[in-house]
Every structure is written in structure tokens, then in C-alpha cells.
Amino acid sequence: MRGTSEQQTRKIVALSRQGESSKISVEKAIKERRSVRSYKHESLTLQELSQLLWAAQGITDEKRGLRASPSAGALYPLEIYVVVGQVEGLPAAVYKYVIGKNELIKVGDGDKRARLSSAALSQSCVAAAPASIVVCAVYERTSRKYGQRAQRYVHMEVGAVAENIYLQGRAMQVGTVFIGAFDDESVKKVIGASPAENPLAILPLGKI
């Protein structure tokens, strides 16, 4: 009972673990990978969102804390936010992905898709998608070890995360597009990012 009460107070949503293997091969997913800006008028399920978040940054080695995407020095500078509008079993809000615990914590109330779209130069796919993943980076985590090379390494990592989301999405009939055109400060306000968190990518998600 205490655990349930604590989750309600902190507005935590536990996510499911990695699902069963897809019927689509890696080769087929790569061949059919496309940037998709138009989606069906259907909600995503919480299981689908969980699987996409796992593909982005989920833990793949519990003992060593390794994740689904590579990171220079295993320093993991990325933070993942989700702007939710239509996900079954998940109220419209802004959530942060707590990677080590495989859960979401609500950091902002209400449907912020229109605001995120405005921050992304009014790209309609962001407003229409049931949810969007926003990838942010804390450069200092990497620069402590790699100095001036850190920015390059962090940007490589964001590309790996995006490709994982593309391929996982294709295997699940969920489309996305890698968006880099947006006003950084406006995006930070929408998701409630800290000063050290720099938004680098928006990936809207919708069924195809």
C-alpha cells in the first residue's frame, strides 16, 4: 500500500519490460525504414510506448547498466522526455523517462502537443502525433572525460537513439521522423527541462 501511495504522490508510471521479439527481421526493418509525418487517428498503447523508450535508452545489461544505444565511455549524457496526448492508460501530460527504474515520472500537466509543435516551427506532425519523444543532452557528463570532442560524441549518440526508434517503430507499425528544426528555449519550456539539458531531437510517434 505504501508503494502505491508513493507512486500516486510522485505521479510515477511503471513501464513494462521489453516485449517479445518482432516478426520483422532487422534487415526488413532497415529496408523499410522511412521518415513518416502522417499517422492514423489512433492512440498508441502504453506497451508500444514502453517498447520504443526501451529501444531508445532502455537497460540491456542489468549488471553493468548498459543501454540499447551506444555512448562514448558509457557516460550516457542523454535525457528522454515524452509529450503525451493520446496514449491508452496514460493521461495527457509531459513525462520524463527514468531509465534505471524503467518508469515515467510526470513533470508537466496537460496536452502540450500544440505548444511543442509551435516550438518546432509549427510542424503539423508534432501536433497530430499521439506522442513525441524529446531527446536532450547534458554535455558536461561527456566533456568531463572527452573535453572538446564531447559535443561530437553526444551528437553521434543522438543519431543512434533516433535510428533505434525508427527501426523499433517500423517493427511495430509505428512511424516517426527525426526533427531538428525547433527553438531550443521554447522546447525546454514545454518539457520543463533543466538549464543543463539541451534539446537535440523531437521524434513524433504515430501508427501507420
N, C-alpha and C. Protein backbone atom coordinates (compact mmCIF):
# COMPACT_ATOMS: atom_id res chain seq x y z
N MET A 1 0.82 -1.20 0.00
CA MET A 1 0.00 0.00 0.00
C MET A 1 0.86 1.25 0.00
N ARG A 2 1.93 1.21 0.77
CA ARG A 2 2.80 2.38 0.84
C ARG A 2 3.39 2.68 -0.54
N GLY A 3 3.81 1.63 -1.28
CA GLY A 3 4.39 1.84 -2.60
C GLY A 3 3.41 2.47 -3.55
N THR A 4 2.15 2.00 -3.52
CA THR A 4 1.12 2.57 -4.38
C THR A 4 0.87 4.02 -4.05
N SER A 5 0.78 4.35 -2.77
CA SER A 5 0.57 5.74 -2.35
C SER A 5 1.70 6.63 -2.80
N GLU A 6 2.94 6.13 -2.69
CA GLU A 6 4.10 6.92 -3.09
C GLU A 6 4.07 7.18 -4.59
N GLN A 7 3.70 6.17 -5.38
CA GLN A 7 3.63 6.35 -6.82
C GLN A 7 2.60 7.39 -7.19
N GLN A 8 1.44 7.37 -6.53
CA GLN A 8 0.40 8.35 -6.83
C GLN A 8 0.86 9.75 -6.48
N THR A 9 1.57 9.89 -5.34
CA THR A 9 2.04 11.20 -4.92
C THR A 9 3.06 11.76 -5.90
N ARG A 10 3.99 10.90 -6.34
CA ARG A 10 5.06 11.34 -7.24
C ARG A 10 4.65 11.25 -8.70
N LYS A 11 3.44 10.75 -8.97
CA LYS A 11 2.91 10.64 -10.33
C LYS A 11 3.84 9.80 -11.20
N ILE A 12 4.15 8.62 -10.72
CA ILE A 12 5.05 7.69 -11.41
C ILE A 12 4.23 6.65 -12.16
N VAL A 13 4.67 6.33 -13.37
CA VAL A 13 4.03 5.30 -14.17
C VAL A 13 5.06 4.22 -14.46
N ALA A 14 4.83 3.02 -13.96
CA ALA A 14 5.73 1.91 -14.22
C ALA A 14 5.53 1.42 -15.66
N LEU A 15 6.61 1.14 -16.35
CA LEU A 15 6.55 0.66 -17.72
C LEU A 15 6.79 -0.84 -17.77
N SER A 16 6.30 -1.45 -18.82
CA SER A 16 6.52 -2.88 -18.99
C SER A 16 7.93 -3.13 -19.49
N ARG A 17 8.41 -4.33 -19.26
CA ARG A 17 9.73 -4.70 -19.73
C ARG A 17 9.69 -4.99 -21.23
N GLN A 18 10.86 -5.22 -21.78
CA GLN A 18 10.98 -5.49 -23.21
C GLN A 18 9.99 -6.57 -23.63
N GLY A 19 9.28 -6.32 -24.72
CA GLY A 19 8.30 -7.27 -25.20
C GLY A 19 8.92 -8.41 -25.99
N GLU A 20 8.07 -9.23 -26.56
CA GLU A 20 8.55 -10.35 -27.35
C GLU A 20 9.18 -9.86 -28.65
N SER A 21 10.01 -10.71 -29.23
CA SER A 21 10.69 -10.35 -30.47
C SER A 21 9.68 -10.09 -31.58
N SER A 22 10.02 -9.15 -32.43
CA SER A 22 9.15 -8.80 -33.54
C SER A 22 9.19 -9.87 -34.62
N LYS A 23 8.15 -9.92 -35.43
CA LYS A 23 8.11 -10.84 -36.56
C LYS A 23 8.86 -10.28 -37.76
N ILE A 24 9.25 -9.02 -37.68
CA ILE A 24 10.00 -8.38 -38.75
C ILE A 24 11.49 -8.49 -38.46
N SER A 25 12.26 -8.92 -39.44
CA SER A 25 13.71 -9.05 -39.26
C SER A 25 14.36 -7.67 -39.23
N VAL A 26 15.57 -7.63 -38.69
CA VAL A 26 16.33 -6.37 -38.69
C VAL A 26 16.53 -5.90 -40.13
N GLU A 27 16.83 -6.83 -41.02
CA GLU A 27 17.07 -6.46 -42.42
C GLU A 27 15.83 -5.82 -43.05
N LYS A 28 14.67 -6.39 -42.77
CA LYS A 28 13.43 -5.86 -43.33
C LYS A 28 13.12 -4.48 -42.73
N ALA A 29 13.35 -4.33 -41.44
CA ALA A 29 13.12 -3.03 -40.80
C ALA A 29 14.02 -1.96 -41.38
N ILE A 30 15.28 -2.30 -41.64
CA ILE A 30 16.20 -1.34 -42.25
C ILE A 30 15.75 -0.98 -43.66
N LYS A 31 15.38 -1.99 -44.43
CA LYS A 31 14.95 -1.76 -45.81
C LYS A 31 13.71 -0.88 -45.88
N GLU A 32 12.79 -1.06 -44.94
CA GLU A 32 11.51 -0.34 -44.99
C GLU A 32 11.48 0.91 -44.11
N ARG A 33 12.62 1.24 -43.50
CA ARG A 33 12.67 2.44 -42.66
C ARG A 33 12.43 3.70 -43.50
N ARG A 34 11.50 4.52 -43.04
CA ARG A 34 11.19 5.78 -43.71
C ARG A 34 10.89 6.85 -42.66
N SER A 35 11.04 8.11 -43.05
CA SER A 35 10.57 9.21 -42.21
C SER A 35 9.09 9.41 -42.50
N VAL A 36 8.28 9.35 -41.46
CA VAL A 36 6.82 9.38 -41.61
C VAL A 36 6.27 10.58 -40.86
N ARG A 37 5.48 11.38 -41.56
CA ARG A 37 4.91 12.59 -40.98
C ARG A 37 3.38 12.56 -40.87
N SER A 38 2.76 11.49 -41.39
CA SER A 38 1.31 11.36 -41.32
C SER A 38 0.98 10.05 -40.61
N TYR A 39 0.05 10.13 -39.65
CA TYR A 39 -0.25 8.98 -38.80
C TYR A 39 -1.75 8.70 -38.78
N LYS A 40 -2.10 7.47 -38.46
CA LYS A 40 -3.50 7.12 -38.28
C LYS A 40 -4.06 7.85 -37.06
N HIS A 41 -5.37 8.05 -37.08
CA HIS A 41 -6.02 8.70 -35.93
C HIS A 41 -6.31 7.64 -34.87
N GLU A 42 -5.26 7.08 -34.33
CA GLU A 42 -5.37 6.04 -33.31
C GLU A 42 -4.40 6.36 -32.17
N SER A 43 -4.80 5.98 -30.97
CA SER A 43 -3.92 6.15 -29.83
C SER A 43 -2.82 5.10 -29.86
N LEU A 44 -1.69 5.44 -29.29
CA LEU A 44 -0.67 4.44 -29.01
C LEU A 44 -1.06 3.70 -27.74
N THR A 45 -0.54 2.51 -27.56
CA THR A 45 -0.73 1.81 -26.30
C THR A 45 0.47 2.09 -25.39
N LEU A 46 0.29 1.89 -24.10
CA LEU A 46 1.39 2.07 -23.18
C LEU A 46 2.49 1.06 -23.45
N GLN A 47 2.12 -0.15 -23.87
CA GLN A 47 3.12 -1.17 -24.22
C GLN A 47 3.97 -0.70 -25.40
N GLU A 48 3.33 -0.10 -26.40
CA GLU A 48 4.09 0.39 -27.56
C GLU A 48 5.06 1.50 -27.16
N LEU A 49 4.57 2.42 -26.34
CA LEU A 49 5.45 3.50 -25.89
C LEU A 49 6.60 2.93 -25.05
N SER A 50 6.30 1.97 -24.19
CA SER A 50 7.33 1.35 -23.36
C SER A 50 8.42 0.72 -24.23
N GLN A 51 7.99 0.02 -25.27
CA GLN A 51 8.95 -0.65 -26.15
C GLN A 51 9.83 0.35 -26.89
N LEU A 52 9.25 1.45 -27.33
CA LEU A 52 10.01 2.48 -28.04
C LEU A 52 11.01 3.17 -27.12
N LEU A 53 10.61 3.41 -25.89
CA LEU A 53 11.54 4.01 -24.93
C LEU A 53 12.67 3.05 -24.60
N TRP A 54 12.35 1.76 -24.48
CA TRP A 54 13.40 0.77 -24.26
C TRP A 54 14.39 0.76 -25.41
N ALA A 55 13.89 0.82 -26.64
CA ALA A 55 14.78 0.83 -27.81
C ALA A 55 15.67 2.07 -27.83
N ALA A 56 15.14 3.17 -27.29
CA ALA A 56 15.90 4.41 -27.29
C ALA A 56 17.03 4.40 -26.27
N GLN A 57 16.72 4.04 -25.03
CA GLN A 57 17.70 4.16 -23.94
C GLN A 57 17.53 3.09 -22.86
N GLY A 58 16.76 2.07 -23.14
CA GLY A 58 16.48 1.06 -22.12
C GLY A 58 17.72 0.28 -21.71
N ILE A 59 17.67 -0.26 -20.51
CA ILE A 59 18.77 -1.06 -19.98
C ILE A 59 18.78 -2.43 -20.65
N THR A 60 19.94 -2.81 -21.20
CA THR A 60 20.09 -4.10 -21.86
C THR A 60 21.03 -5.04 -21.10
N ASP A 61 21.69 -4.52 -20.10
CA ASP A 61 22.59 -5.32 -19.26
C ASP A 61 22.45 -4.80 -17.84
N GLU A 62 21.64 -5.48 -17.04
CA GLU A 62 21.34 -5.01 -15.69
C GLU A 62 22.59 -4.91 -14.83
N LYS A 63 23.49 -5.85 -14.97
CA LYS A 63 24.69 -5.90 -14.12
C LYS A 63 25.59 -4.70 -14.37
N ARG A 64 25.81 -4.36 -15.64
CA ARG A 64 26.73 -3.27 -15.98
C ARG A 64 26.03 -1.97 -16.30
N GLY A 65 24.70 -1.99 -16.36
CA GLY A 65 23.95 -0.77 -16.64
C GLY A 65 24.04 -0.29 -18.07
N LEU A 66 24.36 -1.19 -18.99
CA LEU A 66 24.48 -0.79 -20.39
C LEU A 66 23.11 -0.62 -21.02
N ARG A 67 23.06 0.24 -22.05
CA ARG A 67 21.77 0.62 -22.64
C ARG A 67 21.66 0.19 -24.10
N ALA A 68 20.48 0.41 -24.66
CA ALA A 68 20.18 -0.05 -26.02
C ALA A 68 20.96 0.70 -27.09
N SER A 69 21.41 1.91 -26.80
CA SER A 69 22.19 2.69 -27.77
C SER A 69 23.59 2.94 -27.20
N PRO A 70 24.60 3.05 -28.08
CA PRO A 70 25.97 3.23 -27.61
C PRO A 70 26.22 4.63 -27.06
N SER A 71 27.19 4.72 -26.17
CA SER A 71 27.55 6.00 -25.57
C SER A 71 29.05 6.03 -25.32
N ALA A 72 29.70 7.11 -25.72
CA ALA A 72 31.15 7.24 -25.52
C ALA A 72 31.49 7.11 -24.04
N GLY A 73 32.33 6.16 -23.72
CA GLY A 73 32.73 5.95 -22.34
C GLY A 73 31.63 5.48 -21.43
N ALA A 74 30.49 5.04 -22.02
CA ALA A 74 29.31 4.65 -21.23
C ALA A 74 28.94 5.73 -20.22
N LEU A 75 29.00 6.99 -20.65
CA LEU A 75 28.71 8.12 -19.77
C LEU A 75 27.25 8.55 -19.84
N TYR A 76 26.54 8.19 -20.88
CA TYR A 76 25.10 8.38 -21.03
C TYR A 76 24.64 9.80 -20.70
N PRO A 77 24.92 10.74 -21.59
CA PRO A 77 24.54 12.13 -21.36
C PRO A 77 23.09 12.47 -21.72
N LEU A 78 22.36 11.53 -22.29
CA LEU A 78 21.03 11.85 -22.80
C LEU A 78 19.93 11.69 -21.75
N GLU A 79 18.94 12.57 -21.86
CA GLU A 79 17.72 12.51 -21.05
C GLU A 79 16.53 12.48 -22.01
N ILE A 80 15.54 11.67 -21.68
CA ILE A 80 14.41 11.44 -22.57
C ILE A 80 13.12 11.95 -21.93
N TYR A 81 12.42 12.81 -22.67
CA TYR A 81 11.09 13.29 -22.27
C TYR A 81 10.07 12.78 -23.27
N VAL A 82 8.82 12.66 -22.82
CA VAL A 82 7.73 12.26 -23.71
C VAL A 82 6.57 13.23 -23.53
N VAL A 83 6.16 13.84 -24.63
CA VAL A 83 4.98 14.71 -24.63
C VAL A 83 3.81 13.86 -25.10
N VAL A 84 2.91 13.54 -24.19
CA VAL A 84 1.83 12.58 -24.44
C VAL A 84 0.51 13.29 -24.65
N GLY A 85 -0.19 12.88 -25.73
CA GLY A 85 -1.53 13.38 -25.97
C GLY A 85 -2.56 12.27 -26.01
N GLN A 86 -2.22 11.18 -26.73
CA GLN A 86 -3.15 10.06 -26.89
C GLN A 86 -2.41 8.73 -26.73
N VAL A 87 -2.25 8.32 -25.51
CA VAL A 87 -1.67 7.01 -25.20
C VAL A 87 -2.61 6.32 -24.22
N GLU A 88 -3.08 5.14 -24.59
CA GLU A 88 -4.05 4.43 -23.77
C GLU A 88 -3.48 4.18 -22.37
N GLY A 89 -4.25 4.54 -21.36
CA GLY A 89 -3.85 4.31 -19.98
C GLY A 89 -2.86 5.32 -19.43
N LEU A 90 -2.60 6.39 -20.20
CA LEU A 90 -1.63 7.40 -19.77
C LEU A 90 -2.23 8.78 -20.00
N PRO A 91 -2.51 9.54 -18.94
CA PRO A 91 -3.09 10.87 -19.10
C PRO A 91 -2.19 11.79 -19.93
N ALA A 92 -2.81 12.67 -20.69
CA ALA A 92 -2.06 13.65 -21.47
C ALA A 92 -1.23 14.52 -20.53
N ALA A 93 0.07 14.55 -20.77
CA ALA A 93 0.99 15.27 -19.89
C ALA A 93 2.39 15.18 -20.48
N VAL A 94 3.34 15.79 -19.78
CA VAL A 94 4.75 15.65 -20.13
C VAL A 94 5.40 14.73 -19.09
N TYR A 95 6.15 13.74 -19.57
CA TYR A 95 6.78 12.77 -18.69
C TYR A 95 8.28 12.72 -18.97
N LYS A 96 9.03 12.34 -17.94
CA LYS A 96 10.45 12.08 -18.10
C LYS A 96 10.70 10.60 -17.90
N TYR A 97 11.51 10.03 -18.76
CA TYR A 97 11.83 8.61 -18.69
C TYR A 97 12.93 8.38 -17.67
N VAL A 98 12.60 7.66 -16.61
CA VAL A 98 13.57 7.31 -15.58
C VAL A 98 14.16 5.97 -15.99
N ILE A 99 15.31 6.03 -16.63
CA ILE A 99 15.84 4.88 -17.35
C ILE A 99 16.17 3.71 -16.42
N GLY A 100 16.90 3.96 -15.35
CA GLY A 100 17.31 2.88 -14.46
C GLY A 100 16.16 2.14 -13.82
N LYS A 101 15.05 2.84 -13.62
CA LYS A 101 13.89 2.23 -12.97
C LYS A 101 12.82 1.80 -13.98
N ASN A 102 13.04 2.11 -15.26
CA ASN A 102 12.08 1.80 -16.32
C ASN A 102 10.68 2.30 -15.97
N GLU A 103 10.61 3.60 -15.73
CA GLU A 103 9.32 4.21 -15.40
C GLU A 103 9.28 5.64 -15.93
N LEU A 104 8.08 6.18 -15.97
CA LEU A 104 7.88 7.58 -16.34
C LEU A 104 7.47 8.35 -15.10
N ILE A 105 7.97 9.57 -14.99
CA ILE A 105 7.52 10.45 -13.93
C ILE A 105 6.94 11.71 -14.57
N LYS A 106 5.74 12.06 -14.17
CA LYS A 106 5.08 13.21 -14.77
C LYS A 106 5.74 14.50 -14.30
N VAL A 107 6.10 15.35 -15.27
CA VAL A 107 6.76 16.61 -14.94
C VAL A 107 5.97 17.83 -15.41
N GLY A 108 4.87 17.60 -16.12
CA GLY A 108 4.04 18.70 -16.58
C GLY A 108 2.65 18.21 -16.91
N ASP A 109 1.63 18.95 -16.54
CA ASP A 109 0.24 18.54 -16.74
C ASP A 109 -0.30 18.98 -18.10
N GLY A 110 -1.24 18.21 -18.62
CA GLY A 110 -1.99 18.61 -19.80
C GLY A 110 -1.33 18.25 -21.12
N ASP A 111 -2.12 18.39 -22.17
CA ASP A 111 -1.69 18.06 -23.54
C ASP A 111 -0.87 19.22 -24.10
N LYS A 112 0.43 19.02 -24.24
CA LYS A 112 1.34 20.06 -24.68
C LYS A 112 1.76 19.89 -26.15
N ARG A 113 1.03 19.07 -26.90
CA ARG A 113 1.44 18.81 -28.28
C ARG A 113 1.39 20.07 -29.15
N ALA A 114 0.37 20.89 -28.99
CA ALA A 114 0.27 22.11 -29.79
C ALA A 114 1.42 23.07 -29.48
N ARG A 115 1.77 23.17 -28.21
CA ARG A 115 2.88 24.03 -27.81
C ARG A 115 4.21 23.51 -28.34
N LEU A 116 4.38 22.18 -28.31
CA LEU A 116 5.60 21.60 -28.83
C LEU A 116 5.68 21.82 -30.34
N SER A 117 4.56 21.68 -31.03
CA SER A 117 4.52 21.93 -32.46
C SER A 117 4.90 23.37 -32.77
N SER A 118 4.37 24.31 -31.99
CA SER A 118 4.72 25.72 -32.18
C SER A 118 6.22 25.94 -31.99
N ALA A 119 6.79 25.29 -30.98
CA ALA A 119 8.23 25.42 -30.74
C ALA A 119 9.04 24.79 -31.86
N ALA A 120 8.44 23.82 -32.56
CA ALA A 120 9.10 23.14 -33.68
C ALA A 120 8.69 23.78 -35.01
N LEU A 121 8.59 25.11 -35.01
CA LEU A 121 8.30 25.88 -36.22
C LEU A 121 6.97 25.47 -36.85
N SER A 122 6.01 25.12 -35.98
CA SER A 122 4.64 24.78 -36.39
C SER A 122 4.55 23.56 -37.30
N GLN A 123 5.43 22.60 -37.11
CA GLN A 123 5.35 21.37 -37.89
C GLN A 123 4.13 20.56 -37.44
N SER A 124 3.23 20.31 -38.37
CA SER A 124 1.93 19.73 -38.03
C SER A 124 2.03 18.31 -37.51
N CYS A 125 3.04 17.57 -37.92
CA CYS A 125 3.15 16.17 -37.46
C CYS A 125 3.36 16.09 -35.96
N VAL A 126 3.97 17.11 -35.37
CA VAL A 126 4.19 17.11 -33.93
C VAL A 126 2.87 17.30 -33.19
N ALA A 127 2.02 18.16 -33.72
CA ALA A 127 0.71 18.40 -33.10
C ALA A 127 -0.22 17.21 -33.28
N ALA A 128 -0.09 16.50 -34.41
CA ALA A 128 -1.02 15.41 -34.72
C ALA A 128 -0.61 14.08 -34.11
N ALA A 129 0.66 13.88 -33.86
CA ALA A 129 1.13 12.59 -33.34
C ALA A 129 0.58 12.34 -31.94
N PRO A 130 0.21 11.11 -31.62
CA PRO A 130 -0.26 10.79 -30.27
C PRO A 130 0.75 11.12 -29.18
N ALA A 131 2.04 11.03 -29.52
CA ALA A 131 3.09 11.34 -28.54
C ALA A 131 4.36 11.71 -29.29
N SER A 132 5.23 12.43 -28.62
CA SER A 132 6.55 12.75 -29.18
C SER A 132 7.62 12.53 -28.13
N ILE A 133 8.69 11.90 -28.55
CA ILE A 133 9.87 11.77 -27.71
C ILE A 133 10.77 12.97 -27.95
N VAL A 134 11.25 13.59 -26.88
CA VAL A 134 12.20 14.69 -26.99
C VAL A 134 13.50 14.24 -26.34
N VAL A 135 14.57 14.26 -27.12
CA VAL A 135 15.87 13.82 -26.63
C VAL A 135 16.71 15.04 -26.27
N CYS A 136 17.16 15.08 -25.03
CA CYS A 136 18.01 16.17 -24.54
C CYS A 136 19.37 15.62 -24.14
N ALA A 137 20.36 16.52 -24.09
CA ALA A 137 21.70 16.11 -23.71
C ALA A 137 22.27 17.01 -22.63
N VAL A 138 22.97 16.40 -21.70
CA VAL A 138 23.75 17.12 -20.70
C VAL A 138 25.21 16.95 -21.11
N TYR A 139 25.73 17.91 -21.85
CA TYR A 139 27.06 17.78 -22.44
C TYR A 139 28.16 17.56 -21.40
N GLU A 140 27.96 18.14 -20.21
CA GLU A 140 29.01 18.08 -19.19
C GLU A 140 29.35 16.65 -18.78
N ARG A 141 28.40 15.74 -18.87
CA ARG A 141 28.68 14.35 -18.49
C ARG A 141 29.77 13.74 -19.38
N THR A 142 29.78 14.15 -20.64
CA THR A 142 30.76 13.62 -21.58
C THR A 142 32.01 14.49 -21.64
N SER A 143 31.85 15.79 -21.51
CA SER A 143 33.01 16.68 -21.63
C SER A 143 34.00 16.52 -20.48
N ARG A 144 33.53 16.03 -19.32
CA ARG A 144 34.45 15.81 -18.21
C ARG A 144 35.58 14.85 -18.60
N LYS A 145 35.28 13.93 -19.48
CA LYS A 145 36.28 12.95 -19.90
C LYS A 145 36.87 13.29 -21.26
N TYR A 146 36.04 13.78 -22.18
CA TYR A 146 36.48 13.92 -23.56
C TYR A 146 36.70 15.36 -24.03
N GLY A 147 36.50 16.31 -23.15
CA GLY A 147 36.78 17.70 -23.49
C GLY A 147 36.04 18.19 -24.72
N GLN A 148 36.78 18.78 -25.66
CA GLN A 148 36.17 19.40 -26.83
C GLN A 148 35.54 18.39 -27.78
N ARG A 149 35.90 17.13 -27.66
CA ARG A 149 35.30 16.11 -28.52
C ARG A 149 33.90 15.72 -28.06
N ALA A 150 33.53 16.14 -26.87
CA ALA A 150 32.28 15.69 -26.26
C ALA A 150 31.07 15.98 -27.13
N GLN A 151 30.98 17.18 -27.67
CA GLN A 151 29.80 17.53 -28.46
C GLN A 151 29.62 16.59 -29.64
N ARG A 152 30.72 16.27 -30.30
CA ARG A 152 30.65 15.35 -31.43
C ARG A 152 30.13 13.98 -30.98
N TYR A 153 30.66 13.48 -29.87
CA TYR A 153 30.24 12.17 -29.39
C TYR A 153 28.77 12.15 -28.98
N VAL A 154 28.33 13.22 -28.34
CA VAL A 154 26.93 13.30 -27.92
C VAL A 154 26.01 13.29 -29.13
N HIS A 155 26.37 14.02 -30.16
CA HIS A 155 25.52 14.08 -31.36
C HIS A 155 25.49 12.73 -32.07
N MET A 156 26.60 12.02 -32.05
CA MET A 156 26.59 10.65 -32.59
C MET A 156 25.58 9.79 -31.83
N GLU A 157 25.57 9.96 -30.52
CA GLU A 157 24.68 9.16 -29.68
C GLU A 157 23.21 9.44 -29.98
N VAL A 158 22.90 10.71 -30.19
CA VAL A 158 21.51 11.07 -30.52
C VAL A 158 21.09 10.39 -31.82
N GLY A 159 22.00 10.35 -32.80
CA GLY A 159 21.68 9.67 -34.06
C GLY A 159 21.40 8.19 -33.85
N ALA A 160 22.17 7.55 -32.98
CA ALA A 160 21.96 6.13 -32.70
C ALA A 160 20.60 5.90 -32.04
N VAL A 161 20.24 6.79 -31.11
CA VAL A 161 18.95 6.68 -30.43
C VAL A 161 17.81 6.83 -31.45
N ALA A 162 17.93 7.82 -32.31
CA ALA A 162 16.88 8.05 -33.31
C ALA A 162 16.71 6.84 -34.23
N GLU A 163 17.83 6.27 -34.67
CA GLU A 163 17.73 5.12 -35.56
C GLU A 163 17.10 3.92 -34.85
N ASN A 164 17.43 3.73 -33.60
CA ASN A 164 16.78 2.66 -32.83
C ASN A 164 15.27 2.85 -32.79
N ILE A 165 14.83 4.10 -32.58
CA ILE A 165 13.40 4.39 -32.53
C ILE A 165 12.76 4.13 -33.89
N TYR A 166 13.43 4.56 -34.96
CA TYR A 166 12.93 4.30 -36.31
C TYR A 166 12.72 2.80 -36.53
N LEU A 167 13.73 2.00 -36.23
CA LEU A 167 13.67 0.57 -36.54
C LEU A 167 12.69 -0.16 -35.64
N GLN A 168 12.68 0.18 -34.35
CA GLN A 168 11.71 -0.42 -33.45
C GLN A 168 10.29 -0.04 -33.87
N GLY A 169 10.12 1.21 -34.23
CA GLY A 169 8.81 1.66 -34.70
C GLY A 169 8.35 0.93 -35.94
N ARG A 170 9.26 0.75 -36.89
CA ARG A 170 8.89 0.04 -38.12
C ARG A 170 8.44 -1.38 -37.80
N ALA A 171 9.10 -2.02 -36.86
CA ALA A 171 8.73 -3.38 -36.48
C ALA A 171 7.36 -3.45 -35.83
N MET A 172 6.88 -2.30 -35.31
CA MET A 172 5.60 -2.24 -34.60
C MET A 172 4.53 -1.48 -35.37
N GLN A 173 4.82 -1.10 -36.62
CA GLN A 173 3.91 -0.28 -37.41
C GLN A 173 3.67 1.09 -36.76
N VAL A 174 4.70 1.64 -36.18
CA VAL A 174 4.67 2.99 -35.61
C VAL A 174 5.69 3.83 -36.36
N GLY A 175 5.23 4.94 -36.94
CA GLY A 175 6.11 5.79 -37.71
C GLY A 175 6.68 6.94 -36.90
N THR A 176 7.78 7.49 -37.39
CA THR A 176 8.39 8.65 -36.75
C THR A 176 9.18 9.44 -37.78
N VAL A 177 9.65 10.61 -37.39
CA VAL A 177 10.54 11.42 -38.21
C VAL A 177 11.49 12.16 -37.27
N PHE A 178 12.74 12.24 -37.65
CA PHE A 178 13.78 12.89 -36.84
C PHE A 178 13.69 14.40 -37.10
N ILE A 179 13.23 15.15 -36.12
CA ILE A 179 13.07 16.60 -36.26
C ILE A 179 14.16 17.33 -35.48
N GLY A 180 14.86 18.19 -36.19
CA GLY A 180 15.90 19.01 -35.55
C GLY A 180 15.63 20.50 -35.66
N ALA A 181 14.56 20.86 -36.36
CA ALA A 181 14.21 22.27 -36.56
C ALA A 181 13.24 22.72 -35.47
N PHE A 182 13.76 23.41 -34.48
CA PHE A 182 12.92 23.93 -33.40
C PHE A 182 13.69 25.00 -32.64
N ASP A 183 12.96 25.76 -31.86
CA ASP A 183 13.57 26.76 -30.99
C ASP A 183 13.91 26.09 -29.66
N ASP A 184 15.19 26.03 -29.35
CA ASP A 184 15.64 25.28 -28.19
C ASP A 184 14.99 25.73 -26.89
N GLU A 185 14.98 27.03 -26.64
CA GLU A 185 14.44 27.53 -25.38
C GLU A 185 12.95 27.27 -25.26
N SER A 186 12.24 27.37 -26.37
CA SER A 186 10.80 27.10 -26.33
C SER A 186 10.52 25.64 -26.02
N VAL A 187 11.30 24.74 -26.59
CA VAL A 187 11.13 23.32 -26.30
C VAL A 187 11.43 23.05 -24.84
N LYS A 188 12.48 23.65 -24.32
CA LYS A 188 12.83 23.46 -22.91
C LYS A 188 11.69 23.88 -21.99
N LYS A 189 11.02 24.98 -22.33
CA LYS A 189 9.90 25.44 -21.52
C LYS A 189 8.73 24.47 -21.58
N VAL A 190 8.47 23.92 -22.76
CA VAL A 190 7.36 22.98 -22.91
C VAL A 190 7.56 21.74 -22.04
N ILE A 191 8.77 21.20 -22.04
CA ILE A 191 9.01 19.95 -21.32
C ILE A 191 9.51 20.16 -19.90
N GLY A 192 9.84 21.40 -19.55
CA GLY A 192 10.33 21.67 -18.20
C GLY A 192 11.74 21.17 -17.98
N ALA A 193 12.58 21.24 -19.01
CA ALA A 193 13.95 20.76 -18.90
C ALA A 193 14.77 21.66 -17.99
N SER A 194 15.79 21.09 -17.38
CA SER A 194 16.69 21.86 -16.54
C SER A 194 17.62 22.69 -17.42
N PRO A 195 18.29 23.71 -16.86
CA PRO A 195 19.21 24.53 -17.65
C PRO A 195 20.32 23.73 -18.33
N ALA A 196 20.73 22.62 -17.72
CA ALA A 196 21.82 21.83 -18.28
C ALA A 196 21.38 20.90 -19.40
N GLU A 197 20.06 20.71 -19.55
CA GLU A 197 19.54 19.79 -20.55
C GLU A 197 19.27 20.54 -21.86
N ASN A 198 19.92 20.10 -22.92
CA ASN A 198 19.82 20.75 -24.22
C ASN A 198 19.03 19.88 -25.20
N PRO A 199 17.86 20.34 -25.67
CA PRO A 199 17.08 19.52 -26.61
C PRO A 199 17.79 19.40 -27.95
N LEU A 200 17.88 18.18 -28.45
CA LEU A 200 18.58 17.92 -29.71
C LEU A 200 17.71 17.26 -30.76
N ALA A 201 16.61 16.64 -30.35
CA ALA A 201 15.76 15.94 -31.32
C ALA A 201 14.35 15.80 -30.79
N ILE A 202 13.40 15.89 -31.71
CA ILE A 202 12.00 15.56 -31.44
C ILE A 202 11.62 14.44 -32.40
N LEU A 203 11.02 13.39 -31.85
CA LEU A 203 10.58 12.27 -32.68
C LEU A 203 9.11 11.99 -32.41
N PRO A 204 8.20 12.56 -33.24
CA PRO A 204 6.78 12.25 -33.09
C PRO A 204 6.51 10.79 -33.40
N LEU A 205 5.50 10.23 -32.75
CA LEU A 205 5.20 8.81 -32.87
C LEU A 205 3.73 8.62 -33.21
N GLY A 206 3.45 7.81 -34.22
CA GLY A 206 2.07 7.53 -34.57
C GLY A 206 1.95 6.26 -35.39
N LYS A 207 0.82 5.60 -35.31
CA LYS A 207 0.61 4.35 -36.04
C LYS A 207 0.49 4.63 -37.53
N ILE A 208 0.97 3.67 -38.32
CA ILE A 208 0.97 3.81 -39.78
C ILE A 208 0.29 2.62 -40.43
